[in-house]
Amino acid sequence: MYSLFIKTRVKPGCAPEFLTAIKLNAAASVATEPGCLVFDVSQDRSDPDVIYLYEIYRDDDAYEAHTQTAHFRDSRPLVEPLILEQDCFESDVIARNPVF
């Protein structure tokens, strides 16, 4: 399984707008993409302008398919202008714990 950890710093005061757009993308991804297993969105407790995304896809092809969806493409013009900096870490999932 392919996973992404993304740390995003948004422009000051833009977190609510960013979160609205990214939560729509995340929900649509999990609901409509069989290859998207997890798309979690978190906000830093000490700095609300820092947002973390954790995504797991069945494989690299599933992630590539994600980037071609309408919800992904529609989210880009909404979130990109709000981003100051972004760090992306790719990894392979070794063990996944079940959701209770």
PDB file of N, CA and C in Angstrom:
ATOM      1  N   MET A   1       0.837  -1.181   0.000  1.00  0.00           N
ATOM      2  CA  MET A   1       0.000   0.000   0.000  1.00  0.00           C
ATOM      3  C   MET A   1       0.880   1.241   0.000  1.00  0.00           C
ATOM      4  N   TYR A   2       0.409   2.242  -0.689  1.00  0.00           N
ATOM      5  CA  TYR A   2       1.122   3.514  -0.835  1.00  0.00           C
ATOM      6  C   TYR A   2       0.497   4.532   0.114  1.00  0.00           C
ATOM      7  N   SER A   3       1.334   5.271   0.825  1.00  0.00           N
ATOM      8  CA  SER A   3       0.795   6.291   1.723  1.00  0.00           C
ATOM      9  C   SER A   3       1.526   7.612   1.575  1.00  0.00           C
ATOM     10  N   LEU A   4       0.800   8.646   1.933  1.00  0.00           N
ATOM     11  CA  LEU A   4       1.324  10.011   1.927  1.00  0.00           C
ATOM     12  C   LEU A   4       1.079  10.645   3.290  1.00  0.00           C
ATOM     13  N   PHE A   5       2.082  11.323   3.786  1.00  0.00           N
ATOM     14  CA  PHE A   5       1.938  12.214   4.930  1.00  0.00           C
ATOM     15  C   PHE A   5       2.220  13.602   4.374  1.00  0.00           C
ATOM     16  N   ILE A   6       1.295  14.510   4.523  1.00  0.00           N
ATOM     17  CA  ILE A   6       1.484  15.851   3.983  1.00  0.00           C
ATOM     18  C   ILE A   6       1.291  16.863   5.105  1.00  0.00           C
ATOM     19  N   LYS A   7       2.298  17.701   5.298  1.00  0.00           N
ATOM     20  CA  LYS A   7       2.219  18.788   6.261  1.00  0.00           C
ATOM     21  C   LYS A   7       2.087  20.080   5.467  1.00  0.00           C
ATOM     22  N   THR A   8       0.999  20.788   5.700  1.00  0.00           N
ATOM     23  CA  THR A   8       0.722  22.008   4.957  1.00  0.00           C
ATOM     24  C   THR A   8       0.614  23.180   5.909  1.00  0.00           C
ATOM     25  N   ARG A   9       1.335  24.242   5.611  1.00  0.00           N
ATOM     26  CA  ARG A   9       1.164  25.504   6.329  1.00  0.00           C
ATOM     27  C   ARG A   9       0.393  26.428   5.395  1.00  0.00           C
ATOM     28  N   VAL A  10      -0.762  26.877   5.870  1.00  0.00           N
ATOM     29  CA  VAL A  10      -1.578  27.784   5.069  1.00  0.00           C
ATOM     30  C   VAL A  10      -1.290  29.224   5.487  1.00  0.00           C
ATOM     31  N   LYS A  11      -1.719  30.149   4.645  1.00  0.00           N
ATOM     32  CA  LYS A  11      -1.574  31.567   4.965  1.00  0.00           C
ATOM     33  C   LYS A  11      -2.343  31.868   6.247  1.00  0.00           C
ATOM     34  N   PRO A  12      -1.844  32.798   7.057  1.00  0.00           N
ATOM     35  CA  PRO A  12      -2.510  33.112   8.329  1.00  0.00           C
ATOM     36  C   PRO A  12      -3.998  33.403   8.131  1.00  0.00           C
ATOM     37  N   GLY A  13      -4.798  32.729   8.946  1.00  0.00           N
ATOM     38  CA  GLY A  13      -6.232  32.935   8.913  1.00  0.00           C
ATOM     39  C   GLY A  13      -6.979  32.172   7.830  1.00  0.00           C
ATOM     40  N   CYS A  14      -6.271  31.402   7.002  1.00  0.00           N
ATOM     41  CA  CYS A  14      -6.905  30.688   5.887  1.00  0.00           C
ATOM     42  C   CYS A  14      -7.253  29.238   6.207  1.00  0.00           C
ATOM     43  N   ALA A  15      -6.977  28.794   7.416  1.00  0.00           N
ATOM     44  CA  ALA A  15      -7.243  27.389   7.752  1.00  0.00           C
ATOM     45  C   ALA A  15      -8.706  27.005   7.556  1.00  0.00           C
ATOM     46  N   PRO A  16      -9.684  27.804   7.994  1.00  0.00           N
ATOM     47  CA  PRO A  16     -11.073  27.374   7.799  1.00  0.00           C
ATOM     48  C   PRO A  16     -11.426  27.151   6.327  1.00  0.00           C
ATOM     49  N   GLU A  17     -10.985  28.026   5.470  1.00  0.00           N
ATOM     50  CA  GLU A  17     -11.265  27.889   4.036  1.00  0.00           C
ATOM     51  C   GLU A  17     -10.572  26.654   3.455  1.00  0.00           C
ATOM     52  N   PHE A  18      -9.319  26.444   3.845  1.00  0.00           N
ATOM     53  CA  PHE A  18      -8.574  25.283   3.379  1.00  0.00           C
ATOM     54  C   PHE A  18      -9.248  24.001   3.860  1.00  0.00           C
ATOM     55  N   LEU A  19      -9.616  23.967   5.133  1.00  0.00           N
ATOM     56  CA  LEU A  19     -10.225  22.768   5.700  1.00  0.00           C
ATOM     57  C   LEU A  19     -11.561  22.438   5.031  1.00  0.00           C
ATOM     58  N   THR A  20     -12.342  23.433   4.729  1.00  0.00           N
ATOM     59  CA  THR A  20     -13.617  23.194   4.047  1.00  0.00           C
ATOM     60  C   THR A  20     -13.389  22.488   2.725  1.00  0.00           C
ATOM     61  N   ALA A  21     -12.450  22.973   1.934  1.00  0.00           N
ATOM     62  CA  ALA A  21     -12.180  22.387   0.623  1.00  0.00           C
ATOM     63  C   ALA A  21     -11.539  21.014   0.730  1.00  0.00           C
ATOM     64  N   ILE A  22     -10.579  20.850   1.622  1.00  0.00           N
ATOM     65  CA  ILE A  22      -9.858  19.579   1.686  1.00  0.00           C
ATOM     66  C   ILE A  22     -10.729  18.483   2.302  1.00  0.00           C
ATOM     67  N   LYS A  23     -11.628  18.844   3.224  1.00  0.00           N
ATOM     68  CA  LYS A  23     -12.522  17.838   3.799  1.00  0.00           C
ATOM     69  C   LYS A  23     -13.495  17.301   2.749  1.00  0.00           C
ATOM     70  N   LEU A  24     -13.925  18.139   1.827  1.00  0.00           N
ATOM     71  CA  LEU A  24     -14.783  17.665   0.730  1.00  0.00           C
ATOM     72  C   LEU A  24     -14.028  16.671  -0.144  1.00  0.00           C
ATOM     73  N   ASN A  25     -12.786  16.999  -0.477  1.00  0.00           N
ATOM     74  CA  ASN A  25     -11.956  16.108  -1.282  1.00  0.00           C
ATOM     75  C   ASN A  25     -11.726  14.786  -0.547  1.00  0.00           C
ATOM     76  N   ALA A  26     -11.406  14.869   0.731  1.00  0.00           N
ATOM     77  CA  ALA A  26     -11.138  13.660   1.521  1.00  0.00           C
ATOM     78  C   ALA A  26     -12.370  12.767   1.586  1.00  0.00           C
ATOM     79  N   ALA A  27     -13.517  13.340   1.871  1.00  0.00           N
ATOM     80  CA  ALA A  27     -14.742  12.551   1.997  1.00  0.00           C
ATOM     81  C   ALA A  27     -15.109  11.894   0.670  1.00  0.00           C
ATOM     82  N   ALA A  28     -15.006  12.645  -0.421  1.00  0.00           N
ATOM     83  CA  ALA A  28     -15.316  12.081  -1.738  1.00  0.00           C
ATOM     84  C   ALA A  28     -14.327  10.988  -2.109  1.00  0.00           C
ATOM     85  N   SER A  29     -13.076  11.151  -1.739  1.00  0.00           N
ATOM     86  CA  SER A  29     -12.050  10.160  -2.058  1.00  0.00           C
ATOM     87  C   SER A  29     -12.363   8.823  -1.409  1.00  0.00           C
ATOM     88  N   VAL A  30     -12.660   8.844  -0.112  1.00  0.00           N
ATOM     89  CA  VAL A  30     -12.946   7.607   0.607  1.00  0.00           C
ATOM     90  C   VAL A  30     -14.278   7.005   0.151  1.00  0.00           C
ATOM     91  N   ALA A  31     -15.251   7.857  -0.149  1.00  0.00           N
ATOM     92  CA  ALA A  31     -16.580   7.368  -0.511  1.00  0.00           C
ATOM     93  C   ALA A  31     -16.660   6.795  -1.921  1.00  0.00           C
ATOM     94  N   THR A  32     -15.863   7.349  -2.855  1.00  0.00           N
ATOM     95  CA  THR A  32     -16.057   6.986  -4.258  1.00  0.00           C
ATOM     96  C   THR A  32     -14.883   6.281  -4.915  1.00  0.00           C
ATOM     97  N   GLU A  33     -13.743   6.243  -4.244  1.00  0.00           N
ATOM     98  CA  GLU A  33     -12.565   5.610  -4.835  1.00  0.00           C
ATOM     99  C   GLU A  33     -12.259   4.305  -4.103  1.00  0.00           C
ATOM    100  N   PRO A  34     -12.472   3.166  -4.754  1.00  0.00           N
ATOM    101  CA  PRO A  34     -12.186   1.887  -4.088  1.00  0.00           C
ATOM    102  C   PRO A  34     -10.725   1.753  -3.658  1.00  0.00           C
ATOM    103  N   GLY A  35      -9.820   2.434  -4.342  1.00  0.00           N
ATOM    104  CA  GLY A  35      -8.404   2.338  -4.015  1.00  0.00           C
ATOM    105  C   GLY A  35      -7.947   3.286  -2.925  1.00  0.00           C
ATOM    106  N   CYS A  36      -8.815   4.216  -2.503  1.00  0.00           N
ATOM    107  CA  CYS A  36      -8.469   5.139  -1.414  1.00  0.00           C
ATOM    108  C   CYS A  36      -8.978   4.549  -0.117  1.00  0.00           C
ATOM    109  N   LEU A  37      -8.064   4.079   0.712  1.00  0.00           N
ATOM    110  CA  LEU A  37      -8.427   3.391   1.947  1.00  0.00           C
ATOM    111  C   LEU A  37      -8.553   4.326   3.137  1.00  0.00           C
ATOM    112  N   VAL A  38      -7.750   5.382   3.149  1.00  0.00           N
ATOM    113  CA  VAL A  38      -7.741   6.339   4.255  1.00  0.00           C
ATOM    114  C   VAL A  38      -7.437   7.720   3.695  1.00  0.00           C
ATOM    115  N   PHE A  39      -8.145   8.721   4.174  1.00  0.00           N
ATOM    116  CA  PHE A  39      -7.809  10.115   3.863  1.00  0.00           C
ATOM    117  C   PHE A  39      -8.207  10.917   5.088  1.00  0.00           C
ATOM    118  N   ASP A  40      -7.281  11.047   6.022  1.00  0.00           N
ATOM    119  CA  ASP A  40      -7.526  11.752   7.277  1.00  0.00           C
ATOM    120  C   ASP A  40      -6.985  13.179   7.195  1.00  0.00           C
ATOM    121  N   VAL A  41      -7.698  14.086   7.831  1.00  0.00           N
ATOM    122  CA  VAL A  41      -7.323  15.493   7.878  1.00  0.00           C
ATOM    123  C   VAL A  41      -7.225  15.886   9.346  1.00  0.00           C
ATOM    124  N   SER A  42      -6.093  16.459   9.747  1.00  0.00           N
ATOM    125  CA  SER A  42      -5.884  16.890  11.136  1.00  0.00           C
ATOM    126  C   SER A  42      -5.345  18.308  11.148  1.00  0.00           C
ATOM    127  N   GLN A  43      -5.620  18.991  12.244  1.00  0.00           N
ATOM    128  CA  GLN A  43      -5.122  20.353  12.427  1.00  0.00           C
ATOM    129  C   GLN A  43      -4.236  20.384  13.658  1.00  0.00           C
ATOM    130  N   ASP A  44      -3.095  21.030  13.539  1.00  0.00           N
ATOM    131  CA  ASP A  44      -2.141  21.112  14.638  1.00  0.00           C
ATOM    132  C   ASP A  44      -2.778  21.806  15.847  1.00  0.00           C
ATOM    133  N   ARG A  45      -2.564  21.259  17.006  1.00  0.00           N
ATOM    134  CA  ARG A  45      -3.156  21.835  18.223  1.00  0.00           C
ATOM    135  C   ARG A  45      -2.551  23.175  18.613  1.00  0.00           C
ATOM    136  N   SER A  46      -1.266  23.356  18.362  1.00  0.00           N
ATOM    137  CA  SER A  46      -0.610  24.591  18.797  1.00  0.00           C
ATOM    138  C   SER A  46      -0.518  25.642  17.694  1.00  0.00           C
ATOM    139  N   ASP A  47      -0.715  25.236  16.450  1.00  0.00           N
ATOM    140  CA  ASP A  47      -0.649  26.180  15.333  1.00  0.00           C
ATOM    141  C   ASP A  47      -1.760  25.837  14.338  1.00  0.00           C
ATOM    142  N   PRO A  48      -2.888  26.522  14.399  1.00  0.00           N
ATOM    143  CA  PRO A  48      -4.026  26.174  13.557  1.00  0.00           C
ATOM    144  C   PRO A  48      -3.793  26.388  12.061  1.00  0.00           C
ATOM    145  N   ASP A  49      -2.702  27.032  11.702  1.00  0.00           N
ATOM    146  CA  ASP A  49      -2.384  27.214  10.290  1.00  0.00           C
ATOM    147  C   ASP A  49      -1.595  26.036   9.711  1.00  0.00           C
ATOM    148  N   VAL A  50      -1.388  24.993  10.516  1.00  0.00           N
ATOM    149  CA  VAL A  50      -0.708  23.785  10.056  1.00  0.00           C
ATOM    150  C   VAL A  50      -1.731  22.652   9.994  1.00  0.00           C
ATOM    151  N   ILE A  51      -1.856  22.081   8.807  1.00  0.00           N
ATOM    152  CA  ILE A  51      -2.804  21.002   8.548  1.00  0.00           C
ATOM    153  C   ILE A  51      -2.013  19.766   8.119  1.00  0.00           C
ATOM    154  N   TYR A  52      -2.407  18.612   8.635  1.00  0.00           N
ATOM    155  CA  TYR A  52      -1.767  17.354   8.280  1.00  0.00           C
ATOM    156  C   TYR A  52      -2.761  16.480   7.514  1.00  0.00           C
ATOM    157  N   LEU A  53      -2.313  15.872   6.445  1.00  0.00           N
ATOM    158  CA  LEU A  53      -3.110  14.912   5.697  1.00  0.00           C
ATOM    159  C   LEU A  53      -2.407  13.566   5.758  1.00  0.00           C
ATOM    160  N   TYR A  54      -3.180  12.519   5.968  1.00  0.00           N
ATOM    161  CA  TYR A  54      -2.649  11.161   5.949  1.00  0.00           C
ATOM    162  C   TYR A  54      -3.535  10.363   5.007  1.00  0.00           C
ATOM    163  N   GLU A  55      -2.935   9.856   3.951  1.00  0.00           N
ATOM    164  CA  GLU A  55      -3.681   9.157   2.912  1.00  0.00           C
ATOM    165  C   GLU A  55      -3.061   7.782   2.668  1.00  0.00           C
ATOM    166  N   ILE A  56      -3.902   6.780   2.498  1.00  0.00           N
ATOM    167  CA  ILE A  56      -3.435   5.438   2.128  1.00  0.00           C
ATOM    168  C   ILE A  56      -4.218   4.989   0.898  1.00  0.00           C
ATOM    169  N   TYR A  57      -3.475   4.509  -0.076  1.00  0.00           N
ATOM    170  CA  TYR A  57      -4.059   3.991  -1.315  1.00  0.00           C
ATOM    171  C   TYR A  57      -3.626   2.540  -1.484  1.00  0.00           C
ATOM    172  N   ARG A  58      -4.485   1.770  -2.120  1.00  0.00           N
ATOM    173  CA  ARG A  58      -4.211   0.348  -2.325  1.00  0.00           C
ATOM    174  C   ARG A  58      -2.838   0.140  -2.979  1.00  0.00           C
ATOM    175  N   ASP A  59      -2.497   1.023  -3.923  1.00  0.00           N
ATOM    176  CA  ASP A  59      -1.205   0.949  -4.610  1.00  0.00           C
ATOM    177  C   ASP A  59      -0.961   2.272  -5.330  1.00  0.00           C
ATOM    178  N   ASP A  60       0.164   2.366  -6.011  1.00  0.00           N
ATOM    179  CA  ASP A  60       0.520   3.599  -6.723  1.00  0.00           C
ATOM    180  C   ASP A  60      -0.515   3.950  -7.788  1.00  0.00           C
ATOM    181  N   ASP A  61      -1.054   2.932  -8.466  1.00  0.00           N
ATOM    182  CA  ASP A  61      -2.059   3.184  -9.499  1.00  0.00           C
ATOM    183  C   ASP A  61      -3.326   3.805  -8.903  1.00  0.00           C
ATOM    184  N   ALA A  62      -3.701   3.381  -7.719  1.00  0.00           N
ATOM    185  CA  ALA A  62      -4.883   3.947  -7.062  1.00  0.00           C
ATOM    186  C   ALA A  62      -4.652   5.420  -6.736  1.00  0.00           C
ATOM    187  N   TYR A  63      -3.428   5.757  -6.316  1.00  0.00           N
ATOM    188  CA  TYR A  63      -3.139   7.177  -6.065  1.00  0.00           C
ATOM    189  C   TYR A  63      -3.191   7.964  -7.371  1.00  0.00           C
ATOM    190  N   GLU A  64      -2.619   7.419  -8.422  1.00  0.00           N
ATOM    191  CA  GLU A  64      -2.663   8.101  -9.718  1.00  0.00           C
ATOM    192  C   GLU A  64      -4.107   8.306 -10.156  1.00  0.00           C
ATOM    193  N   ALA A  65      -4.954   7.308  -9.963  1.00  0.00           N
ATOM    194  CA  ALA A  65      -6.375   7.446 -10.304  1.00  0.00           C
ATOM    195  C   ALA A  65      -7.019   8.558  -9.470  1.00  0.00           C
ATOM    196  N   HIS A  66      -6.620   8.670  -8.216  1.00  0.00           N
ATOM    197  CA  HIS A  66      -7.137   9.731  -7.332  1.00  0.00           C
ATOM    198  C   HIS A  66      -6.858  11.113  -7.934  1.00  0.00           C
ATOM    199  N   THR A  67      -5.667  11.291  -8.463  1.00  0.00           N
ATOM    200  CA  THR A  67      -5.298  12.610  -8.997  1.00  0.00           C
ATOM    201  C   THR A  67      -6.050  12.962 -10.283  1.00  0.00           C
ATOM    202  N   GLN A  68      -6.768  11.996 -10.842  1.00  0.00           N
ATOM    203  CA  GLN A  68      -7.540  12.239 -12.058  1.00  0.00           C
ATOM    204  C   GLN A  68      -9.027  12.454 -11.781  1.00  0.00           C
ATOM    205  N   THR A  69      -9.449  12.350 -10.527  1.00  0.00           N
ATOM    206  CA  THR A  69     -10.862  12.497 -10.201  1.00  0.00           C
ATOM    207  C   THR A  69     -11.300  13.954 -10.243  1.00  0.00           C
ATOM    208  N   ALA A  70     -12.580  14.153 -10.452  1.00  0.00           N
ATOM    209  CA  ALA A  70     -13.133  15.509 -10.476  1.00  0.00           C
ATOM    210  C   ALA A  70     -12.977  16.182  -9.116  1.00  0.00           C
ATOM    211  N   HIS A  71     -13.211  15.447  -8.028  1.00  0.00           N
ATOM    212  CA  HIS A  71     -13.108  16.089  -6.708  1.00  0.00           C
ATOM    213  C   HIS A  71     -11.677  16.532  -6.400  1.00  0.00           C
ATOM    214  N   PHE A  72     -10.684  15.777  -6.846  1.00  0.00           N
ATOM    215  CA  PHE A  72      -9.296  16.199  -6.673  1.00  0.00           C
ATOM    216  C   PHE A  72      -9.020  17.440  -7.513  1.00  0.00           C
ATOM    217  N   ARG A  73      -9.351  17.358  -8.803  1.00  0.00           N
ATOM    218  CA  ARG A  73      -9.093  18.491  -9.702  1.00  0.00           C
ATOM    219  C   ARG A  73      -9.847  19.742  -9.259  1.00  0.00           C
ATOM    220  N   ASP A  74     -11.083  19.577  -8.805  1.00  0.00           N
ATOM    221  CA  ASP A  74     -11.868  20.732  -8.360  1.00  0.00           C
ATOM    222  C   ASP A  74     -11.299  21.376  -7.095  1.00  0.00           C
ATOM    223  N   SER A  75     -10.651  20.574  -6.259  1.00  0.00           N
ATOM    224  CA  SER A  75     -10.104  21.114  -5.005  1.00  0.00           C
ATOM    225  C   SER A  75      -8.833  21.931  -5.215  1.00  0.00           C
ATOM    226  N   ARG A  76      -8.082  21.630  -6.255  1.00  0.00           N
ATOM    227  CA  ARG A  76      -6.774  22.270  -6.438  1.00  0.00           C
ATOM    228  C   ARG A  76      -6.854  23.797  -6.515  1.00  0.00           C
ATOM    229  N   PRO A  77      -7.730  24.381  -7.354  1.00  0.00           N
ATOM    230  CA  PRO A  77      -7.768  25.851  -7.401  1.00  0.00           C
ATOM    231  C   PRO A  77      -8.290  26.486  -6.112  1.00  0.00           C
ATOM    232  N   LEU A  78      -8.960  25.715  -5.274  1.00  0.00           N
ATOM    233  CA  LEU A  78      -9.444  26.236  -4.000  1.00  0.00           C
ATOM    234  C   LEU A  78      -8.360  26.236  -2.935  1.00  0.00           C
ATOM    235  N   VAL A  79      -7.535  25.183  -2.908  1.00  0.00           N
ATOM    236  CA  VAL A  79      -6.542  25.074  -1.834  1.00  0.00           C
ATOM    237  C   VAL A  79      -5.174  25.650  -2.190  1.00  0.00           C
ATOM    238  N   GLU A  80      -4.768  25.539  -3.432  1.00  0.00           N
ATOM    239  CA  GLU A  80      -3.410  25.976  -3.797  1.00  0.00           C
ATOM    240  C   GLU A  80      -3.113  27.436  -3.457  1.00  0.00           C
ATOM    241  N   PRO A  81      -4.032  28.388  -3.682  1.00  0.00           N
ATOM    242  CA  PRO A  81      -3.713  29.779  -3.341  1.00  0.00           C
ATOM    243  C   PRO A  81      -3.576  30.029  -1.835  1.00  0.00           C
ATOM    244  N   LEU A  82      -4.027  29.091  -1.023  1.00  0.00           N
ATOM    245  CA  LEU A  82      -3.984  29.261   0.433  1.00  0.00           C
ATOM    246  C   LEU A  82      -2.710  28.717   1.064  1.00  0.00           C
ATOM    247  N   ILE A  83      -1.925  27.963   0.307  1.00  0.00           N
ATOM    248  CA  ILE A  83      -0.761  27.252   0.839  1.00  0.00           C
ATOM    249  C   ILE A  83       0.487  28.132   0.832  1.00  0.00           C
ATOM    250  N   LEU A  84       1.134  28.210   2.001  1.00  0.00           N
ATOM    251  CA  LEU A  84       2.443  28.878   2.102  1.00  0.00           C
ATOM    252  C   LEU A  84       3.566  27.900   1.821  1.00  0.00           C
ATOM    253  N   GLU A  85       3.489  26.725   2.454  1.00  0.00           N
ATOM    254  CA  GLU A  85       4.503  25.698   2.232  1.00  0.00           C
ATOM    255  C   GLU A  85       3.900  24.333   2.501  1.00  0.00           C
ATOM    256  N   GLN A  86       4.511  23.337   1.867  1.00  0.00           N
ATOM    257  CA  GLN A  86       3.982  21.984   1.996  1.00  0.00           C
ATOM    258  C   GLN A  86       5.125  20.983   1.912  1.00  0.00           C
ATOM    259  N   ASP A  87       5.134  20.039   2.842  1.00  0.00           N
ATOM    260  CA  ASP A  87       6.099  18.945   2.835  1.00  0.00           C
ATOM    261  C   ASP A  87       5.322  17.650   2.644  1.00  0.00           C
ATOM    262  N   CYS A  88       5.799  16.821   1.715  1.00  0.00           N
ATOM    263  CA  CYS A  88       5.122  15.572   1.396  1.00  0.00           C
ATOM    264  C   CYS A  88       6.101  14.423   1.605  1.00  0.00           C
ATOM    265  N   PHE A  89       5.651  13.425   2.355  1.00  0.00           N
ATOM    266  CA  PHE A  89       6.462  12.254   2.638  1.00  0.00           C
ATOM    267  C   PHE A  89       5.734  11.027   2.112  1.00  0.00           C
ATOM    268  N   GLU A  90       6.379  10.287   1.230  1.00  0.00           N
ATOM    269  CA  GLU A  90       5.803   9.072   0.670  1.00  0.00           C
ATOM    270  C   GLU A  90       6.342   7.866   1.418  1.00  0.00           C
ATOM    271  N   SER A  91       5.496   6.857   1.573  1.00  0.00           N
ATOM    272  CA  SER A  91       5.956   5.644   2.245  1.00  0.00           C
ATOM    273  C   SER A  91       5.130   4.451   1.789  1.00  0.00           C
ATOM    274  N   ASP A  92       5.618   3.281   2.157  1.00  0.00           N
ATOM    275  CA  ASP A  92       4.883   2.039   1.948  1.00  0.00           C
ATOM    276  C   ASP A  92       4.335   1.597   3.292  1.00  0.00           C
ATOM    277  N   VAL A  93       3.067   1.268   3.344  1.00  0.00           N
ATOM    278  CA  VAL A  93       2.440   0.825   4.584  1.00  0.00           C
ATOM    279  C   VAL A  93       2.908  -0.603   4.873  1.00  0.00           C
ATOM    280  N   ILE A  94       3.441  -0.805   6.053  1.00  0.00           N
ATOM    281  CA  ILE A  94       3.938  -2.110   6.473  1.00  0.00           C
ATOM    282  C   ILE A  94       2.858  -2.866   7.249  1.00  0.00           C
ATOM    283  N   ALA A  95       2.156  -2.171   8.112  1.00  0.00           N
ATOM    284  CA  ALA A  95       1.068  -2.774   8.882  1.00  0.00           C
ATOM    285  C   ALA A  95      -0.029  -1.733   9.049  1.00  0.00           C
ATOM    286  N   ARG A  96      -1.258  -2.168   8.872  1.00  0.00           N
ATOM    287  CA  ARG A  96      -2.399  -1.273   9.034  1.00  0.00           C
ATOM    288  C   ARG A  96      -3.313  -1.878  10.091  1.00  0.00           C
ATOM    289  N   ASN A  97      -3.638  -1.101  11.104  1.00  0.00           N
ATOM    290  CA  ASN A  97      -4.496  -1.584  12.187  1.00  0.00           C
ATOM    291  C   ASN A  97      -5.957  -1.351  11.817  1.00  0.00           C
ATOM    292  N   PRO A  98      -6.807  -2.275  12.197  1.00  0.00           N
ATOM    293  CA  PRO A  98      -8.222  -2.120  11.841  1.00  0.00           C
ATOM    294  C   PRO A  98      -8.866  -0.949  12.579  1.00  0.00           C
ATOM    295  N   VAL A  99      -9.877  -0.401  11.955  1.00  0.00           N
ATOM    296  CA  VAL A  99     -10.640   0.681  12.555  1.00  0.00           C
ATOM    297  C   VAL A  99     -11.754   0.052  13.397  1.00  0.00           C
ATOM    298  N   PHE A 100     -11.946   0.577  14.597  1.00  0.00           N
ATOM    299  CA  PHE A 100     -12.972   0.022  15.481  1.00  0.00           C
ATOM    300  C   PHE A 100     -14.247   0.789  15.347  1.00  0.00           C
TER     301      PHE A 100
END
